[in-house]
Amino acid sequence: MDTFLLITGFLLTLAGIIGSLIPVLPGPPTSWVGLLLLYLTTIVPLDWWVLGISLGIAVIITILDYVIPAMGTKKSGGSRYGMWGTTLGLFIGLFFIPLPLGFLIGAFAGAFVGELLFDSKDSKRALKAAFGSFLGFLTSTFIKLVVSFSFMIFYIFKFWEYKDLFLAIYSK
């Protein structure tokens, strides 16, 4: 069972990093579940403080993931159309443009098209709003990546701390 928890936990921390780039999967909460699985093994003792603080960070970052792009859009004079366009453009870019350009170009183009749908007469305002929405998206994505990578690094360090006990299971 420990092997299953260990492997699944590591895969979830990896999935959290991927989820930080793709909005379908919540990155930091997924990485946190990976940490939780590591602590649920019989080898690593439960540390409620670490789990509680890291859960709090994952929840706060998930909430900020919705707030930061909206702030970027609002500060640059954008609308909800730009925010929705960013998300739709991201998905379309992932499928039709090679990574990593796919989600960058797609998100920006989607925000611009969304803003043009909102106000087709003012392309200069639409471009400014699209840039703000895109900057908010990049900021949010960067923060999620940092947190998810931090959870994965913590996972690896914690595993390394108890590696001898894990390896002792397999030497029997």
C-alpha atoms as a PDB file:
ATOM      1  CA  MET A   1       0.000   0.000   0.000  1.00  0.00           C
ATOM      2  CA  ASP A   2       2.874   2.372   0.771  1.00  0.00           C
ATOM      3  CA  THR A   3       4.240   1.859  -2.735  1.00  0.00           C
ATOM      4  CA  PHE A   4       0.869   2.744  -4.244  1.00  0.00           C
ATOM      5  CA  LEU A   5       0.589   5.883  -2.088  1.00  0.00           C
ATOM      6  CA  LEU A   6       4.165   6.881  -2.857  1.00  0.00           C
ATOM      7  CA  ILE A   7       3.850   6.519  -6.631  1.00  0.00           C
ATOM      8  CA  THR A   8       0.365   8.026  -6.802  1.00  0.00           C
ATOM      9  CA  GLY A   9       1.440  10.948  -4.618  1.00  0.00           C
ATOM     10  CA  PHE A  10       4.421  11.680  -6.847  1.00  0.00           C
ATOM     11  CA  LEU A  11       2.267  11.459  -9.981  1.00  0.00           C
ATOM     12  CA  LEU A  12      -0.211  13.877  -8.438  1.00  0.00           C
ATOM     13  CA  THR A  13       2.537  16.384  -7.693  1.00  0.00           C
ATOM     14  CA  LEU A  14       3.544  16.132 -11.370  1.00  0.00           C
ATOM     15  CA  ALA A  15      -0.086  16.494 -12.432  1.00  0.00           C
ATOM     16  CA  GLY A  16      -0.300  19.602 -10.251  1.00  0.00           C
ATOM     17  CA  ILE A  17       2.543  21.198 -12.180  1.00  0.00           C
ATOM     18  CA  ILE A  18       0.810  20.389 -15.461  1.00  0.00           C
ATOM     19  CA  GLY A  19      -2.463  21.635 -13.979  1.00  0.00           C
ATOM     20  CA  SER A  20      -0.801  24.952 -13.211  1.00  0.00           C
ATOM     21  CA  LEU A  21      -0.478  25.491 -16.953  1.00  0.00           C
ATOM     22  CA  ILE A  22      -3.816  24.038 -18.043  1.00  0.00           C
ATOM     23  CA  PRO A  23      -6.885  25.493 -16.329  1.00  0.00           C
ATOM     24  CA  VAL A  24      -8.876  22.245 -16.416  1.00  0.00           C
ATOM     25  CA  LEU A  25      -6.878  20.727 -13.552  1.00  0.00           C
ATOM     26  CA  PRO A  26      -6.345  22.768 -10.372  1.00  0.00           C
ATOM     27  CA  GLY A  27      -2.558  22.688  -9.982  1.00  0.00           C
ATOM     28  CA  PRO A  28      -1.742  23.484  -6.334  1.00  0.00           C
ATOM     29  CA  PRO A  29      -4.639  21.473  -4.835  1.00  0.00           C
ATOM     30  CA  THR A  30      -3.655  18.468  -6.951  1.00  0.00           C
ATOM     31  CA  SER A  31      -0.035  18.778  -5.818  1.00  0.00           C
ATOM     32  CA  TRP A  32      -1.247  19.082  -2.229  1.00  0.00           C
ATOM     33  CA  VAL A  33      -3.148  15.792  -2.507  1.00  0.00           C
ATOM     34  CA  GLY A  34       0.163  14.258  -3.608  1.00  0.00           C
ATOM     35  CA  LEU A  35       1.763  15.562  -0.405  1.00  0.00           C
ATOM     36  CA  LEU A  36      -1.128  14.203   1.617  1.00  0.00           C
ATOM     37  CA  LEU A  37      -0.637  10.738   0.116  1.00  0.00           C
ATOM     38  CA  LEU A  38       3.042  10.813   1.099  1.00  0.00           C
ATOM     39  CA  TYR A  39       2.043  11.580   4.676  1.00  0.00           C
ATOM     40  CA  LEU A  40      -0.540   8.776   4.636  1.00  0.00           C
ATOM     41  CA  THR A  41       2.179   6.151   4.133  1.00  0.00           C
ATOM     42  CA  THR A  42       3.174   4.169   7.204  1.00  0.00           C
ATOM     43  CA  ILE A  43       6.736   5.494   6.893  1.00  0.00           C
ATOM     44  CA  VAL A  44       6.319   9.284   7.002  1.00  0.00           C
ATOM     45  CA  PRO A  45       4.773  10.484  10.279  1.00  0.00           C
ATOM     46  CA  LEU A  46       1.743  12.745   9.937  1.00  0.00           C
ATOM     47  CA  ASP A  47       2.514  16.412  10.409  1.00  0.00           C
ATOM     48  CA  TRP A  48      -0.777  18.278  10.668  1.00  0.00           C
ATOM     49  CA  TRP A  49       0.985  21.652  10.719  1.00  0.00           C
ATOM     50  CA  VAL A  50       2.698  21.055   7.392  1.00  0.00           C
ATOM     51  CA  LEU A  51      -0.456  19.638   5.837  1.00  0.00           C
ATOM     52  CA  GLY A  52      -2.628  22.434   7.211  1.00  0.00           C
ATOM     53  CA  ILE A  53      -0.341  25.264   6.147  1.00  0.00           C
ATOM     54  CA  SER A  54       0.241  23.775   2.693  1.00  0.00           C
ATOM     55  CA  LEU A  55      -3.521  23.225   2.276  1.00  0.00           C
ATOM     56  CA  GLY A  56      -4.125  26.847   3.229  1.00  0.00           C
ATOM     57  CA  ILE A  57      -1.585  27.962   0.635  1.00  0.00           C
ATOM     58  CA  ALA A  58      -3.201  25.743  -2.030  1.00  0.00           C
ATOM     59  CA  VAL A  59      -6.672  27.137  -1.261  1.00  0.00           C
ATOM     60  CA  ILE A  60      -5.482  30.765  -1.257  1.00  0.00           C
ATOM     61  CA  ILE A  61      -3.635  30.310  -4.554  1.00  0.00           C
ATOM     62  CA  THR A  62      -6.692  28.653  -6.097  1.00  0.00           C
ATOM     63  CA  ILE A  63      -8.845  31.615  -5.087  1.00  0.00           C
ATOM     64  CA  LEU A  64      -6.230  34.076  -6.346  1.00  0.00           C
ATOM     65  CA  ASP A  65      -6.205  32.201  -9.644  1.00  0.00           C
ATOM     66  CA  TYR A  66      -9.643  33.674 -10.293  1.00  0.00           C
ATOM     67  CA  VAL A  67      -8.951  37.093  -8.783  1.00  0.00           C
ATOM     68  CA  ILE A  68      -5.604  37.998 -10.400  1.00  0.00           C
ATOM     69  CA  PRO A  69      -6.691  37.728 -14.071  1.00  0.00           C
ATOM     70  CA  ALA A  70      -9.848  39.665 -13.256  1.00  0.00           C
ATOM     71  CA  MET A  71      -7.755  42.396 -11.630  1.00  0.00           C
ATOM     72  CA  GLY A  72      -5.463  42.562 -14.669  1.00  0.00           C
ATOM     73  CA  THR A  73      -8.443  42.833 -16.966  1.00  0.00           C
ATOM     74  CA  LYS A  74     -10.191  45.436 -14.823  1.00  0.00           C
ATOM     75  CA  LYS A  75      -7.081  47.607 -14.399  1.00  0.00           C
ATOM     76  CA  SER A  76      -6.581  47.711 -18.154  1.00  0.00           C
ATOM     77  CA  GLY A  77     -10.213  48.546 -18.898  1.00  0.00           C
ATOM     78  CA  GLY A  78     -11.242  45.090 -20.005  1.00  0.00           C
ATOM     79  CA  SER A  79     -14.458  43.151 -19.710  1.00  0.00           C
ATOM     80  CA  ARG A  80     -15.549  39.629 -18.835  1.00  0.00           C
ATOM     81  CA  TYR A  81     -15.420  38.908 -22.541  1.00  0.00           C
ATOM     82  CA  GLY A  82     -11.656  39.353 -22.412  1.00  0.00           C
ATOM     83  CA  MET A  83     -11.340  37.022 -19.427  1.00  0.00           C
ATOM     84  CA  TRP A  84     -13.451  34.346 -21.106  1.00  0.00           C
ATOM     85  CA  GLY A  85     -11.583  34.878 -24.345  1.00  0.00           C
ATOM     86  CA  THR A  86      -8.291  34.289 -22.528  1.00  0.00           C
ATOM     87  CA  THR A  87      -9.495  30.932 -21.244  1.00  0.00           C
ATOM     88  CA  LEU A  88     -11.006  29.820 -24.552  1.00  0.00           C
ATOM     89  CA  GLY A  89      -7.951  30.994 -26.474  1.00  0.00           C
ATOM     90  CA  LEU A  90      -5.754  29.024 -24.108  1.00  0.00           C
ATOM     91  CA  PHE A  91      -7.617  25.798 -24.866  1.00  0.00           C
ATOM     92  CA  ILE A  92      -7.645  26.401 -28.598  1.00  0.00           C
ATOM     93  CA  GLY A  93      -3.953  27.349 -28.562  1.00  0.00           C
ATOM     94  CA  LEU A  94      -3.050  24.157 -26.721  1.00  0.00           C
ATOM     95  CA  PHE A  95      -4.527  22.035 -29.479  1.00  0.00           C
ATOM     96  CA  PHE A  96      -3.492  23.967 -32.584  1.00  0.00           C
ATOM     97  CA  ILE A  97      -0.197  25.698 -31.744  1.00  0.00           C
ATOM     98  CA  PRO A  98       2.905  23.894 -30.401  1.00  0.00           C
ATOM     99  CA  LEU A  99       3.714  24.290 -26.700  1.00  0.00           C
ATOM    100  CA  PRO A 100       4.696  26.581 -25.015  1.00  0.00           C
ATOM    101  CA  LEU A 101       3.592  29.118 -27.611  1.00  0.00           C
ATOM    102  CA  GLY A 102       0.139  27.562 -27.811  1.00  0.00           C
ATOM    103  CA  PHE A 103      -1.139  28.726 -24.496  1.00  0.00           C
ATOM    104  CA  LEU A 104       0.659  32.096 -24.715  1.00  0.00           C
ATOM    105  CA  ILE A 105      -0.529  33.046 -28.200  1.00  0.00           C
ATOM    106  CA  GLY A 106      -3.924  31.441 -27.670  1.00  0.00           C
ATOM    107  CA  ALA A 107      -4.548  33.245 -24.383  1.00  0.00           C
ATOM    108  CA  PHE A 108      -3.591  36.642 -25.778  1.00  0.00           C
ATOM    109  CA  ALA A 109      -5.483  36.179 -29.058  1.00  0.00           C
ATOM    110  CA  GLY A 110      -8.520  34.914 -27.163  1.00  0.00           C
ATOM    111  CA  ALA A 111      -8.495  37.946 -24.874  1.00  0.00           C
ATOM    112  CA  PHE A 112      -8.210  40.274 -27.867  1.00  0.00           C
ATOM    113  CA  VAL A 113     -11.045  38.575 -29.773  1.00  0.00           C
ATOM    114  CA  GLY A 114     -13.181  38.574 -26.624  1.00  0.00           C
ATOM    115  CA  GLU A 115     -12.649  42.295 -26.163  1.00  0.00           C
ATOM    116  CA  LEU A 116     -13.454  42.935 -29.826  1.00  0.00           C
ATOM    117  CA  LEU A 117     -16.715  41.035 -29.357  1.00  0.00           C
ATOM    118  CA  PHE A 118     -17.483  43.299 -26.406  1.00  0.00           C
ATOM    119  CA  ASP A 119     -16.664  46.517 -28.286  1.00  0.00           C
ATOM    120  CA  SER A 120     -15.819  46.031 -31.955  1.00  0.00           C
ATOM    121  CA  LYS A 121     -15.343  49.738 -32.636  1.00  0.00           C
ATOM    122  CA  ASP A 122     -12.341  50.317 -30.378  1.00  0.00           C
ATOM    123  CA  SER A 123      -9.511  47.955 -31.302  1.00  0.00           C
ATOM    124  CA  LYS A 124      -6.951  50.037 -29.364  1.00  0.00           C
ATOM    125  CA  ARG A 125      -8.914  49.593 -26.130  1.00  0.00           C
ATOM    126  CA  ALA A 126      -9.399  45.916 -26.956  1.00  0.00           C
ATOM    127  CA  LEU A 127      -5.650  45.464 -27.401  1.00  0.00           C
ATOM    128  CA  LYS A 128      -4.902  47.204 -24.092  1.00  0.00           C
ATOM    129  CA  ALA A 129      -7.545  45.156 -22.271  1.00  0.00           C
ATOM    130  CA  ALA A 130      -6.310  41.938 -23.883  1.00  0.00           C
ATOM    131  CA  PHE A 131      -2.793  42.727 -22.719  1.00  0.00           C
ATOM    132  CA  GLY A 132      -4.032  43.302 -19.149  1.00  0.00           C
ATOM    133  CA  SER A 133      -6.010  40.085 -19.175  1.00  0.00           C
ATOM    134  CA  PHE A 134      -3.024  38.222 -20.584  1.00  0.00           C
ATOM    135  CA  LEU A 135      -0.687  39.699 -17.943  1.00  0.00           C
ATOM    136  CA  GLY A 136      -3.098  38.656 -15.207  1.00  0.00           C
ATOM    137  CA  PHE A 137      -3.215  35.150 -16.662  1.00  0.00           C
ATOM    138  CA  LEU A 138       0.603  34.929 -16.813  1.00  0.00           C
ATOM    139  CA  THR A 139       0.959  36.200 -13.254  1.00  0.00           C
ATOM    140  CA  SER A 140      -1.570  33.709 -11.956  1.00  0.00           C
ATOM    141  CA  THR A 141       0.037  30.857 -13.890  1.00  0.00           C
ATOM    142  CA  PHE A 142       3.487  31.763 -12.581  1.00  0.00           C
ATOM    143  CA  ILE A 143       2.284  31.789  -8.970  1.00  0.00           C
ATOM    144  CA  LYS A 144       0.576  28.402  -9.402  1.00  0.00           C
ATOM    145  CA  LEU A 145       3.736  26.959 -10.958  1.00  0.00           C
ATOM    146  CA  VAL A 146       5.904  28.214  -8.098  1.00  0.00           C
ATOM    147  CA  VAL A 147       3.578  26.709  -5.492  1.00  0.00           C
ATOM    148  CA  SER A 148       3.196  23.389  -7.332  1.00  0.00           C
ATOM    149  CA  PHE A 149       6.959  23.102  -7.882  1.00  0.00           C
ATOM    150  CA  SER A 150       7.499  23.934  -4.200  1.00  0.00           C
ATOM    151  CA  PHE A 151       5.121  21.160  -3.169  1.00  0.00           C
ATOM    152  CA  MET A 152       6.939  18.728  -5.446  1.00  0.00           C
ATOM    153  CA  ILE A 153      10.353  19.740  -4.089  1.00  0.00           C
ATOM    154  CA  PHE A 154       9.033  19.363  -0.556  1.00  0.00           C
ATOM    155  CA  TYR A 155       7.678  15.921  -1.511  1.00  0.00           C
ATOM    156  CA  ILE A 156      11.086  14.867  -2.842  1.00  0.00           C
ATOM    157  CA  PHE A 157      12.942  16.176   0.212  1.00  0.00           C
ATOM    158  CA  LYS A 158      10.524  14.452   2.567  1.00  0.00           C
ATOM    159  CA  PHE A 159      10.856  11.199   0.620  1.00  0.00           C
ATOM    160  CA  TRP A 160      14.643  11.550   0.684  1.00  0.00           C
ATOM    161  CA  GLU A 161      14.537  12.040   4.450  1.00  0.00           C
ATOM    162  CA  TYR A 162      12.812   8.656   4.849  1.00  0.00           C
ATOM    163  CA  LYS A 163      14.308   6.878   1.802  1.00  0.00           C
ATOM    164  CA  ASP A 164      16.136   4.279   3.911  1.00  0.00           C
ATOM    165  CA  LEU A 165      12.875   3.193   5.520  1.00  0.00           C
ATOM    166  CA  PHE A 166      11.126   3.037   2.155  1.00  0.00           C
ATOM    167  CA  LEU A 167      13.993   1.031   0.645  1.00  0.00           C
ATOM    168  CA  ALA A 168      14.009  -1.333   3.638  1.00  0.00           C
ATOM    169  CA  ILE A 169      10.507  -2.411   2.657  1.00  0.00           C
ATOM    170  CA  TYR A 170      11.769  -3.578  -0.746  1.00  0.00           C
ATOM    171  CA  SER A 171      14.870  -5.364   0.548  1.00  0.00           C
ATOM    172  CA  LYS A 172      12.798  -7.885   2.468  1.00  0.00           C
END
